[in-house]
PDB file of N, CA and C in Angstrom:
ATOM      1  N   MET A   1       4.522  -5.897  22.701  1.00  0.00           N
ATOM      2  CA  MET A   1       3.698  -4.936  22.102  1.00  0.00           C
ATOM      3  C   MET A   1       3.645  -4.860  20.592  1.00  0.00           C
ATOM      4  N   SER A   2       2.454  -4.960  20.089  1.00  0.00           N
ATOM      5  CA  SER A   2       2.345  -5.059  18.762  1.00  0.00           C
ATOM      6  C   SER A   2       2.599  -3.763  17.800  1.00  0.00           C
ATOM      7  N   ARG A   3       3.073  -3.835  16.858  1.00  0.00           N
ATOM      8  CA  ARG A   3       3.335  -2.690  15.897  1.00  0.00           C
ATOM      9  C   ARG A   3       2.340  -2.838  14.620  1.00  0.00           C
ATOM     10  N   GLU A   4       1.897  -1.875  14.236  1.00  0.00           N
ATOM     11  CA  GLU A   4       1.069  -1.844  13.038  1.00  0.00           C
ATOM     12  C   GLU A   4       1.577  -1.125  11.825  1.00  0.00           C
ATOM     13  N   LEU A   5       1.503  -1.685  10.732  1.00  0.00           N
ATOM     14  CA  LEU A   5       1.932  -1.152   9.374  1.00  0.00           C
ATOM     15  C   LEU A   5       0.655  -1.079   8.584  1.00  0.00           C
ATOM     16  N   ILE A   6       0.431  -0.012   7.952  1.00  0.00           N
ATOM     17  CA  ILE A   6      -0.578   0.171   6.908  1.00  0.00           C
ATOM     18  C   ILE A   6      -0.091   0.328   5.695  1.00  0.00           C
ATOM     19  N   ILE A   7      -0.819  -0.649   4.883  1.00  0.00           N
ATOM     20  CA  ILE A   7      -0.542  -0.735   3.322  1.00  0.00           C
ATOM     21  C   ILE A   7      -1.737   0.149   2.758  1.00  0.00           C
ATOM     22  N   ALA A   8      -1.448   1.336   2.271  1.00  0.00           N
ATOM     23  CA  ALA A   8      -2.511   2.185   1.556  1.00  0.00           C
ATOM     24  C   ALA A   8      -1.821   3.036   0.599  1.00  0.00           C
ATOM     25  N   PRO A   9      -2.040   2.801  -0.669  1.00  0.00           N
ATOM     26  CA  PRO A   9      -1.781   3.800  -1.724  1.00  0.00           C
ATOM     27  C   PRO A   9      -2.443   5.065  -1.474  1.00  0.00           C
ATOM     28  N   ALA A  10      -1.903   6.007  -1.791  1.00  0.00           N
ATOM     29  CA  ALA A  10      -2.494   7.430  -1.533  1.00  0.00           C
ATOM     30  C   ALA A  10      -2.003   8.542  -2.637  1.00  0.00           C
ATOM     31  N   TRP A  11      -0.797   8.696  -2.954  1.00  0.00           N
ATOM     32  CA  TRP A  11      -0.278   9.605  -3.873  1.00  0.00           C
ATOM     33  C   TRP A  11       0.861   8.973  -4.807  1.00  0.00           C
ATOM     34  N   ILE A  12       1.008   9.499  -5.884  1.00  0.00           N
ATOM     35  CA  ILE A  12       1.854   9.173  -6.977  1.00  0.00           C
ATOM     36  C   ILE A  12       3.301   9.380  -6.302  1.00  0.00           C
ATOM     37  N   GLY A  13       4.182   8.253  -6.571  1.00  0.00           N
ATOM     38  CA  GLY A  13       5.592   8.237  -6.122  1.00  0.00           C
ATOM     39  C   GLY A  13       5.709   8.033  -4.608  1.00  0.00           C
ATOM     40  N   ARG A  14       4.785   7.724  -3.888  1.00  0.00           N
ATOM     41  CA  ARG A  14       4.948   7.256  -2.491  1.00  0.00           C
ATOM     42  C   ARG A  14       5.136   5.805  -2.223  1.00  0.00           C
ATOM     43  N   SER A  15       5.493   5.339  -1.059  1.00  0.00           N
ATOM     44  CA  SER A  15       5.731   3.892  -0.800  1.00  0.00           C
ATOM     45  C   SER A  15       4.690   3.083  -0.692  1.00  0.00           C
ATOM     46  N   GLY A  16       3.480   3.681  -0.287  1.00  0.00           N
ATOM     47  CA  GLY A  16       2.253   2.865   0.218  1.00  0.00           C
ATOM     48  C   GLY A  16       2.250   2.466   1.543  1.00  0.00           C
ATOM     49  N   LEU A  17       3.304   2.825   2.406  1.00  0.00           N
ATOM     50  CA  LEU A  17       3.399   2.066   3.652  1.00  0.00           C
ATOM     51  C   LEU A  17       3.299   3.258   4.724  1.00  0.00           C
ATOM     52  N   TRP A  18       2.795   2.936   5.617  1.00  0.00           N
ATOM     53  CA  TRP A  18       2.455   3.995   6.867  1.00  0.00           C
ATOM     54  C   TRP A  18       2.521   3.490   8.059  1.00  0.00           C
ATOM     55  N   LEU A  19       3.129   4.228   9.186  1.00  0.00           N
ATOM     56  CA  LEU A  19       2.989   3.858  10.561  1.00  0.00           C
ATOM     57  C   LEU A  19       1.819   4.824  11.149  1.00  0.00           C
ATOM     58  N   PRO A  20       1.047   4.430  11.845  1.00  0.00           N
ATOM     59  CA  PRO A  20       0.126   5.090  12.756  1.00  0.00           C
ATOM     60  C   PRO A  20       0.905   5.933  13.860  1.00  0.00           C
ATOM     61  N   GLY A  21       0.446   7.044  13.984  1.00  0.00           N
ATOM     62  CA  GLY A  21       1.168   7.950  15.065  1.00  0.00           C
ATOM     63  C   GLY A  21       0.101   8.879  15.700  1.00  0.00           C
ATOM     64  N   PRO A  22       0.435   9.376  16.846  1.00  0.00           N
ATOM     65  CA  PRO A  22      -0.613  10.308  17.457  1.00  0.00           C
ATOM     66  C   PRO A  22      -0.999  11.573  16.677  1.00  0.00           C
ATOM     67  N   LYS A  23      -0.056  11.981  15.710  1.00  0.00           N
ATOM     68  CA  LYS A  23      -0.535  12.919  14.803  1.00  0.00           C
ATOM     69  C   LYS A  23      -1.073  12.595  13.371  1.00  0.00           C
ATOM     70  N   GLY A  24      -1.317  11.253  13.413  1.00  0.00           N
ATOM     71  CA  GLY A  24      -1.915  10.619  12.030  1.00  0.00           C
ATOM     72  C   GLY A  24      -0.790   9.683  11.486  1.00  0.00           C
ATOM     73  N   ARG A  25      -1.070   9.222  10.134  1.00  0.00           N
ATOM     74  CA  ARG A  25       0.033   8.347   9.492  1.00  0.00           C
ATOM     75  C   ARG A  25       1.262   9.139   9.177  1.00  0.00           C
ATOM     76  N   ARG A  26       2.333   8.371   9.375  1.00  0.00           N
ATOM     77  CA  ARG A  26       3.650   8.730   8.841  1.00  0.00           C
ATOM     78  C   ARG A  26       4.046   7.833   7.779  1.00  0.00           C
ATOM     79  N   GLU A  27       4.521   8.283   6.723  1.00  0.00           N
ATOM     80  CA  GLU A  27       4.924   7.517   5.478  1.00  0.00           C
ATOM     81  C   GLU A  27       6.378   6.967   5.915  1.00  0.00           C
ATOM     82  N   VAL A  28       6.576   5.533   5.523  1.00  0.00           N
ATOM     83  CA  VAL A  28       7.812   4.968   5.700  1.00  0.00           C
ATOM     84  C   VAL A  28       8.080   4.114   4.473  1.00  0.00           C
ATOM     85  N   ASP A  29       9.409   3.883   4.218  1.00  0.00           N
ATOM     86  CA  ASP A  29       9.755   2.964   3.426  1.00  0.00           C
ATOM     87  C   ASP A  29       9.914   1.577   3.666  1.00  0.00           C
ATOM     88  N   ALA A  30       9.915   0.642   2.624  1.00  0.00           N
ATOM     89  CA  ALA A  30      10.072  -0.822   3.050  1.00  0.00           C
ATOM     90  C   ALA A  30      11.256  -1.132   4.019  1.00  0.00           C
ATOM     91  N   GLU A  31      12.428  -0.393   3.518  1.00  0.00           N
ATOM     92  CA  GLU A  31      13.556  -0.620   4.280  1.00  0.00           C
ATOM     93  C   GLU A  31      13.500  -0.019   5.772  1.00  0.00           C
ATOM     94  N   ASP A  32      12.574   0.761   5.906  1.00  0.00           N
ATOM     95  CA  ASP A  32      12.463   1.509   7.278  1.00  0.00           C
ATOM     96  C   ASP A  32      11.962   0.488   8.237  1.00  0.00           C
ATOM     97  N   VAL A  33      11.291  -0.435   7.746  1.00  0.00           N
ATOM     98  CA  VAL A  33      10.466  -1.464   8.642  1.00  0.00           C
ATOM     99  C   VAL A  33      11.124  -2.801   8.481  1.00  0.00           C
ATOM    100  N   GLY A  34      12.055  -2.891   7.790  1.00  0.00           N
ATOM    101  CA  GLY A  34      12.917  -4.290   7.573  1.00  0.00           C
ATOM    102  C   GLY A  34      12.164  -5.315   6.704  1.00  0.00           C
ATOM    103  N   LEU A  35      11.361  -4.855   5.552  1.00  0.00           N
ATOM    104  CA  LEU A  35      11.055  -5.755   4.596  1.00  0.00           C
ATOM    105  C   LEU A  35      12.099  -6.320   3.905  1.00  0.00           C
ATOM    106  N   SER A  36      11.985  -7.513   3.490  1.00  0.00           N
ATOM    107  CA  SER A  36      12.882  -7.945   2.411  1.00  0.00           C
ATOM    108  C   SER A  36      13.046  -7.316   1.149  1.00  0.00           C
ATOM    109  N   GLU A  37      14.209  -7.436   0.469  1.00  0.00           N
ATOM    110  CA  GLU A  37      14.297  -6.677  -0.913  1.00  0.00           C
ATOM    111  C   GLU A  37      13.307  -7.162  -1.785  1.00  0.00           C
ATOM    112  N   GLU A  38      13.132  -8.507  -1.872  1.00  0.00           N
ATOM    113  CA  GLU A  38      12.202  -9.152  -2.712  1.00  0.00           C
ATOM    114  C   GLU A  38      10.836  -8.603  -2.483  1.00  0.00           C
ATOM    115  N   LEU A  39      10.381  -8.418  -1.253  1.00  0.00           N
ATOM    116  CA  LEU A  39       9.006  -7.964  -1.020  1.00  0.00           C
ATOM    117  C   LEU A  39       8.917  -6.555  -1.364  1.00  0.00           C
ATOM    118  N   ALA A  40       9.980  -5.724  -1.055  1.00  0.00           N
ATOM    119  CA  ALA A  40       9.956  -4.281  -1.280  1.00  0.00           C
ATOM    120  C   ALA A  40       9.817  -4.040  -2.800  1.00  0.00           C
ATOM    121  N   ASP A  41      10.583  -4.921  -3.732  1.00  0.00           N
ATOM    122  CA  ASP A  41      10.449  -4.760  -5.225  1.00  0.00           C
ATOM    123  C   ASP A  41       8.962  -5.089  -5.451  1.00  0.00           C
ATOM    124  N   ARG A  42       8.461  -6.159  -4.952  1.00  0.00           N
ATOM    125  CA  ARG A  42       7.199  -6.416  -5.304  1.00  0.00           C
ATOM    126  C   ARG A  42       6.228  -5.362  -4.928  1.00  0.00           C
ATOM    127  N   LEU A  43       6.349  -4.807  -3.723  1.00  0.00           N
ATOM    128  CA  LEU A  43       5.465  -3.666  -3.325  1.00  0.00           C
ATOM    129  C   LEU A  43       5.721  -2.345  -4.273  1.00  0.00           C
ATOM    130  N   GLU A  44       6.849  -2.176  -4.626  1.00  0.00           N
ATOM    131  CA  GLU A  44       6.946  -1.158  -5.641  1.00  0.00           C
ATOM    132  C   GLU A  44       6.309  -1.304  -6.935  1.00  0.00           C
ATOM    133  N   ALA A  45       6.482  -2.582  -7.391  1.00  0.00           N
ATOM    134  CA  ALA A  45       5.601  -2.870  -8.759  1.00  0.00           C
ATOM    135  C   ALA A  45       4.127  -2.778  -8.673  1.00  0.00           C
ATOM    136  N   TRP A  46       3.593  -3.006  -7.411  1.00  0.00           N
ATOM    137  CA  TRP A  46       2.309  -2.883  -7.152  1.00  0.00           C
ATOM    138  C   TRP A  46       1.897  -1.484  -7.183  1.00  0.00           C
ATOM    139  N   MET A  47       2.781  -0.690  -6.332  1.00  0.00           N
ATOM    140  CA  MET A  47       2.510   0.875  -6.422  1.00  0.00           C
ATOM    141  C   MET A  47       2.629   1.586  -7.722  1.00  0.00           C
ATOM    142  N   ASP A  48       3.312   0.813  -8.606  1.00  0.00           N
ATOM    143  CA  ASP A  48       3.617   1.378  -9.854  1.00  0.00           C
ATOM    144  C   ASP A  48       2.340   1.269 -10.795  1.00  0.00           C
ATOM    145  N   MET A  49       1.682   0.063 -10.591  1.00  0.00           N
ATOM    146  CA  MET A  49       0.189  -0.038 -11.124  1.00  0.00           C
ATOM    147  C   MET A  49      -0.612   1.109 -10.597  1.00  0.00           C
ATOM    148  N   PHE A  50      -0.684   1.125  -9.426  1.00  0.00           N
ATOM    149  CA  PHE A  50      -1.511   2.384  -8.819  1.00  0.00           C
ATOM    150  C   PHE A  50      -1.068   3.798  -9.421  1.00  0.00           C
ATOM    151  N   ASP A  51       0.236   4.115  -9.485  1.00  0.00           N
ATOM    152  CA  ASP A  51       0.524   5.300 -10.046  1.00  0.00           C
ATOM    153  C   ASP A  51       0.164   5.473 -11.435  1.00  0.00           C
ATOM    154  N   ALA A  52      -0.016   4.323 -12.188  1.00  0.00           N
ATOM    155  CA  ALA A  52      -0.411   4.512 -13.534  1.00  0.00           C
ATOM    156  C   ALA A  52      -1.770   4.854 -13.722  1.00  0.00           C
ATOM    157  N   ILE A  53      -2.593   4.673 -12.648  1.00  0.00           N
ATOM    158  CA  ILE A  53      -4.073   4.990 -12.960  1.00  0.00           C
ATOM    159  C   ILE A  53      -4.511   6.230 -12.033  1.00  0.00           C
ATOM    160  N   TYR A  54      -3.645   6.647 -11.232  1.00  0.00           N
ATOM    161  CA  TYR A  54      -3.953   7.799 -10.210  1.00  0.00           C
ATOM    162  C   TYR A  54      -3.887   9.059 -10.947  1.00  0.00           C
ATOM    163  N   ASP A  55      -4.972   9.887 -10.889  1.00  0.00           N
ATOM    164  CA  ASP A  55      -5.121  11.227 -11.384  1.00  0.00           C
ATOM    165  C   ASP A  55      -5.004  12.296 -10.042  1.00  0.00           C
ATOM    166  N   GLU A  56      -3.807  12.832 -10.043  1.00  0.00           N
ATOM    167  CA  GLU A  56      -3.690  13.790  -8.864  1.00  0.00           C
ATOM    168  C   GLU A  56      -4.673  14.992  -8.833  1.00  0.00           C
ATOM    169  N   ASP A  57      -4.985  15.255 -10.014  1.00  0.00           N
ATOM    170  CA  ASP A  57      -5.969  16.556 -10.235  1.00  0.00           C
ATOM    171  C   ASP A  57      -7.364  16.056  -9.719  1.00  0.00           C
ATOM    172  N   GLU A  58      -7.760  14.952  -9.824  1.00  0.00           N
ATOM    173  CA  GLU A  58      -9.048  14.367  -9.462  1.00  0.00           C
ATOM    174  C   GLU A  58      -8.990  12.811  -8.963  1.00  0.00           C
ATOM    175  N   PRO A  59      -8.714  12.782  -7.767  1.00  0.00           N
ATOM    176  CA  PRO A  59      -8.370  11.320  -7.431  1.00  0.00           C
ATOM    177  C   PRO A  59      -9.653  10.536  -7.375  1.00  0.00           C
ATOM    178  N   THR A  60     -10.702  10.967  -7.271  1.00  0.00           N
ATOM    179  CA  THR A  60     -11.949  10.166  -7.238  1.00  0.00           C
ATOM    180  C   THR A  60     -12.387   9.629  -8.642  1.00  0.00           C
ATOM    181  N   ALA A  61     -11.761  10.385  -9.625  1.00  0.00           N
ATOM    182  CA  ALA A  61     -11.869   9.876 -11.079  1.00  0.00           C
ATOM    183  C   ALA A  61     -10.806   8.807 -11.452  1.00  0.00           C
ATOM    184  N   SER A  62      -9.922   8.561 -10.644  1.00  0.00           N
ATOM    185  CA  SER A  62      -8.930   7.536 -10.837  1.00  0.00           C
ATOM    186  C   SER A  62      -9.661   6.205 -10.981  1.00  0.00           C
ATOM    187  N   ALA A  63      -9.242   5.435 -12.177  1.00  0.00           N
ATOM    188  CA  ALA A  63      -9.960   4.159 -12.302  1.00  0.00           C
ATOM    189  C   ALA A  63      -8.875   3.175 -13.048  1.00  0.00           C
ATOM    190  N   PHE A  64      -9.251   1.948 -12.829  1.00  0.00           N
ATOM    191  CA  PHE A  64      -8.481   0.927 -13.482  1.00  0.00           C
ATOM    192  C   PHE A  64      -9.278   0.770 -14.929  1.00  0.00           C
ATOM    193  N   ALA A  65      -8.612   0.282 -15.936  1.00  0.00           N
ATOM    194  CA  ALA A  65      -9.310   0.077 -17.261  1.00  0.00           C
ATOM    195  C   ALA A  65     -10.622  -0.625 -17.178  1.00  0.00           C
ATOM    196  N   ASP A  66     -10.659  -1.751 -16.365  1.00  0.00           N
ATOM    197  CA  ASP A  66     -11.608  -2.422 -16.233  1.00  0.00           C
ATOM    198  C   ASP A  66     -11.618  -3.293 -14.813  1.00  0.00           C
ATOM    199  N   ALA A  67     -12.824  -4.004 -14.512  1.00  0.00           N
ATOM    200  CA  ALA A  67     -12.873  -4.484 -13.280  1.00  0.00           C
ATOM    201  C   ALA A  67     -11.940  -5.610 -13.004  1.00  0.00           C
ATOM    202  N   VAL A  68     -11.640  -6.416 -14.048  1.00  0.00           N
ATOM    203  CA  VAL A  68     -10.583  -7.503 -14.105  1.00  0.00           C
ATOM    204  C   VAL A  68      -9.176  -6.861 -13.555  1.00  0.00           C
ATOM    205  N   GLN A  69      -8.775  -5.790 -14.168  1.00  0.00           N
ATOM    206  CA  GLN A  69      -7.559  -5.184 -13.702  1.00  0.00           C
ATOM    207  C   GLN A  69      -7.572  -4.776 -12.330  1.00  0.00           C
ATOM    208  N   GLU A  70      -8.695  -4.191 -11.968  1.00  0.00           N
ATOM    209  CA  GLU A  70      -8.631  -3.867 -10.477  1.00  0.00           C
ATOM    210  C   GLU A  70      -8.741  -4.915  -9.563  1.00  0.00           C
ATOM    211  N   MET A  71      -9.458  -6.007  -9.853  1.00  0.00           N
ATOM    212  CA  MET A  71      -9.531  -7.207  -9.113  1.00  0.00           C
ATOM    213  C   MET A  71      -8.132  -7.760  -8.920  1.00  0.00           C
ATOM    214  N   ALA A  72      -7.400  -7.814 -10.031  1.00  0.00           N
ATOM    215  CA  ALA A  72      -6.089  -8.385 -10.012  1.00  0.00           C
ATOM    216  C   ALA A  72      -5.035  -7.545  -9.138  1.00  0.00           C
ATOM    217  N   TRP A  73      -5.184  -6.052  -9.181  1.00  0.00           N
ATOM    218  CA  TRP A  73      -4.402  -5.205  -8.417  1.00  0.00           C
ATOM    219  C   TRP A  73      -4.834  -5.440  -6.907  1.00  0.00           C
ATOM    220  N   LEU A  74      -6.159  -5.577  -6.467  1.00  0.00           N
ATOM    221  CA  LEU A  74      -6.564  -5.898  -5.180  1.00  0.00           C
ATOM    222  C   LEU A  74      -6.086  -7.106  -4.663  1.00  0.00           C
ATOM    223  N   ALA A  75      -5.965  -8.097  -5.603  1.00  0.00           N
ATOM    224  CA  ALA A  75      -5.518  -9.553  -5.028  1.00  0.00           C
ATOM    225  C   ALA A  75      -4.103  -9.543  -4.804  1.00  0.00           C
ATOM    226  N   GLU A  76      -3.402  -8.669  -5.758  1.00  0.00           N
ATOM    227  CA  GLU A  76      -1.939  -8.692  -5.352  1.00  0.00           C
ATOM    228  C   GLU A  76      -1.506  -7.817  -4.124  1.00  0.00           C
ATOM    229  N   GLY A  77      -2.363  -6.763  -3.869  1.00  0.00           N
ATOM    230  CA  GLY A  77      -2.231  -6.103  -2.627  1.00  0.00           C
ATOM    231  C   GLY A  77      -2.417  -6.926  -1.480  1.00  0.00           C
ATOM    232  N   GLU A  78      -3.458  -7.732  -1.515  1.00  0.00           N
ATOM    233  CA  GLU A  78      -3.805  -8.719  -0.432  1.00  0.00           C
ATOM    234  C   GLU A  78      -2.657  -9.602  -0.128  1.00  0.00           C
ATOM    235  N   ALA A  79      -2.135 -10.173  -1.242  1.00  0.00           N
ATOM    236  CA  ALA A  79      -0.927 -11.216  -1.332  1.00  0.00           C
ATOM    237  C   ALA A  79       0.188 -10.434  -0.529  1.00  0.00           C
ATOM    238  N   ILE A  80       0.462  -9.318  -1.086  1.00  0.00           N
ATOM    239  CA  ILE A  80       1.680  -8.624  -0.473  1.00  0.00           C
ATOM    240  C   ILE A  80       1.448  -8.359   1.082  1.00  0.00           C
ATOM    241  N   ALA A  81       0.342  -7.886   1.386  1.00  0.00           N
ATOM    242  CA  ALA A  81       0.004  -7.763   2.750  1.00  0.00           C
ATOM    243  C   ALA A  81       0.065  -9.079   3.712  1.00  0.00           C
ATOM    244  N   VAL A  82      -0.262 -10.026   3.018  1.00  0.00           N
ATOM    245  CA  VAL A  82      -0.096 -11.422   3.762  1.00  0.00           C
ATOM    246  C   VAL A  82       1.404 -11.799   3.970  1.00  0.00           C
ATOM    247  N   ALA A  83       2.125 -11.527   2.734  1.00  0.00           N
ATOM    248  CA  ALA A  83       3.685 -11.584   2.746  1.00  0.00           C
ATOM    249  C   ALA A  83       4.441 -10.770   3.644  1.00  0.00           C
ATOM    250  N   MET A  84       3.800  -9.531   3.902  1.00  0.00           N
ATOM    251  CA  MET A  84       4.389  -8.671   4.935  1.00  0.00           C
ATOM    252  C   MET A  84       4.336  -9.127   6.321  1.00  0.00           C
ATOM    253  N   VAL A  85       3.251  -9.802   6.571  1.00  0.00           N
ATOM    254  CA  VAL A  85       2.958 -10.491   7.985  1.00  0.00           C
ATOM    255  C   VAL A  85       3.936 -11.554   8.188  1.00  0.00           C
ATOM    256  N   GLU A  86       4.279 -12.315   7.156  1.00  0.00           N
ATOM    257  CA  GLU A  86       5.318 -13.541   7.231  1.00  0.00           C
ATOM    258  C   GLU A  86       6.660 -12.761   7.406  1.00  0.00           C
ATOM    259  N   ASP A  87       6.932 -11.970   6.711  1.00  0.00           N
ATOM    260  CA  ASP A  87       8.222 -11.249   6.455  1.00  0.00           C
ATOM    261  C   ASP A  87       8.737 -10.635   7.904  1.00  0.00           C
ATOM    262  N   LEU A  88       7.629  -9.813   8.394  1.00  0.00           N
ATOM    263  CA  LEU A  88       7.912  -8.900   9.525  1.00  0.00           C
ATOM    264  C   LEU A  88       7.985  -9.869  10.886  1.00  0.00           C
ATOM    265  N   GLY A  89       7.183 -10.667  10.981  1.00  0.00           N
ATOM    266  CA  GLY A  89       7.304 -11.659  11.842  1.00  0.00           C
ATOM    267  C   GLY A  89       6.266 -11.180  13.200  1.00  0.00           C
ATOM    268  N   ALA A  90       6.513 -12.059  14.190  1.00  0.00           N
ATOM    269  CA  ALA A  90       5.511 -11.791  15.392  1.00  0.00           C
ATOM    270  C   ALA A  90       5.704 -10.276  15.898  1.00  0.00           C
ATOM    271  N   GLY A  91       4.761  -9.685  16.348  1.00  0.00           N
ATOM    272  CA  GLY A  91       4.780  -8.456  16.797  1.00  0.00           C
ATOM    273  C   GLY A  91       4.295  -7.503  15.898  1.00  0.00           C
ATOM    274  N   TRP A  92       3.878  -7.774  14.556  1.00  0.00           N
ATOM    275  CA  TRP A  92       3.495  -6.770  13.613  1.00  0.00           C
ATOM    276  C   TRP A  92       1.988  -7.156  13.121  1.00  0.00           C
ATOM    277  N   THR A  93       1.171  -6.299  12.921  1.00  0.00           N
ATOM    278  CA  THR A  93      -0.061  -6.513  12.218  1.00  0.00           C
ATOM    279  C   THR A  93       0.087  -5.581  10.978  1.00  0.00           C
ATOM    280  N   VAL A  94      -0.416  -6.067  10.042  1.00  0.00           N
ATOM    281  CA  VAL A  94      -0.667  -5.319   8.691  1.00  0.00           C
ATOM    282  C   VAL A  94      -2.185  -5.024   8.403  1.00  0.00           C
ATOM    283  N   THR A  95      -2.464  -3.607   8.430  1.00  0.00           N
ATOM    284  CA  THR A  95      -3.805  -3.173   8.030  1.00  0.00           C
ATOM    285  C   THR A  95      -3.714  -2.689   6.631  1.00  0.00           C
ATOM    286  N   ARG A  96      -4.842  -3.163   5.999  1.00  0.00           N
ATOM    287  CA  ARG A  96      -5.023  -2.874   4.535  1.00  0.00           C
ATOM    288  C   ARG A  96      -6.070  -1.691   4.432  1.00  0.00           C
ATOM    289  N   ASP A  97      -5.639  -0.791   3.578  1.00  0.00           N
ATOM    290  CA  ASP A  97      -6.518   0.456   3.029  1.00  0.00           C
ATOM    291  C   ASP A  97      -6.318   0.671   1.659  1.00  0.00           C
ATOM    292  N   PHE A  98      -6.961  -0.196   0.860  1.00  0.00           N
ATOM    293  CA  PHE A  98      -6.744  -0.300  -0.679  1.00  0.00           C
ATOM    294  C   PHE A  98      -7.722   0.595  -1.336  1.00  0.00           C
ATOM    295  N   THR A  99      -8.557   1.214  -0.670  1.00  0.00           N
ATOM    296  CA  THR A  99      -9.334   2.049  -1.413  1.00  0.00           C
ATOM    297  C   THR A  99      -9.606   3.603  -0.701  1.00  0.00           C
ATOM    298  N   GLY A 100      -8.942   3.804   0.291  1.00  0.00           N
ATOM    299  CA  GLY A 100      -9.057   5.123   0.932  1.00  0.00           C
ATOM    300  C   GLY A 100      -8.701   6.226  -0.096  1.00  0.00           C
ATOM    301  N   TRP A 101      -7.897   6.034  -0.885  1.00  0.00           N
ATOM    302  CA  TRP A 101      -7.515   7.102  -1.864  1.00  0.00           C
ATOM    303  C   TRP A 101      -8.614   7.645  -2.628  1.00  0.00           C
ATOM    304  N   ARG A 102      -9.660   6.901  -2.908  1.00  0.00           N
ATOM    305  CA  ARG A 102     -10.981   7.257  -3.598  1.00  0.00           C
ATOM    306  C   ARG A 102     -11.748   8.278  -2.710  1.00  0.00           C
ATOM    307  N   GLN A 103     -11.440   8.524  -1.496  1.00  0.00           N
ATOM    308  CA  GLN A 103     -12.185   9.620  -0.797  1.00  0.00           C
ATOM    309  C   GLN A 103     -11.282  10.787  -0.523  1.00  0.00           C
ATOM    310  N   THR A 104     -10.161  10.906  -1.086  1.00  0.00           N
ATOM    311  CA  THR A 104      -9.206  11.867  -0.805  1.00  0.00           C
ATOM    312  C   THR A 104      -9.382  13.071  -1.823  1.00  0.00           C
ATOM    313  N   ALA A 105     -10.567  13.498  -2.267  1.00  0.00           N
ATOM    314  CA  ALA A 105     -10.665  14.543  -3.290  1.00  0.00           C
ATOM    315  C   ALA A 105     -10.732  15.771  -2.656  1.00  0.00           C
TER     316      ALA A 105
END
């Protein structure tokens, strides 16, 4: 049976990792799912970049300084997701939701 891990930034200070469940997404930490310390640190740095641009009062107004920064952030997120698949091994799928936070107004 395959397990699904969702990588989706949503709010400041969150891990960005979620497990789907019958009542919706449940936040988990990198350690909860067994990610390596190196990958957990990389994920935390990526989430710090998100935290720096996220406006809690007006999420849809949150934006990177320019398209180059946003593209770099998205590329790093994709690279982290690929590394997660390798780190977690068989039986896991990693779903990406890098822009869902834009609709959470």
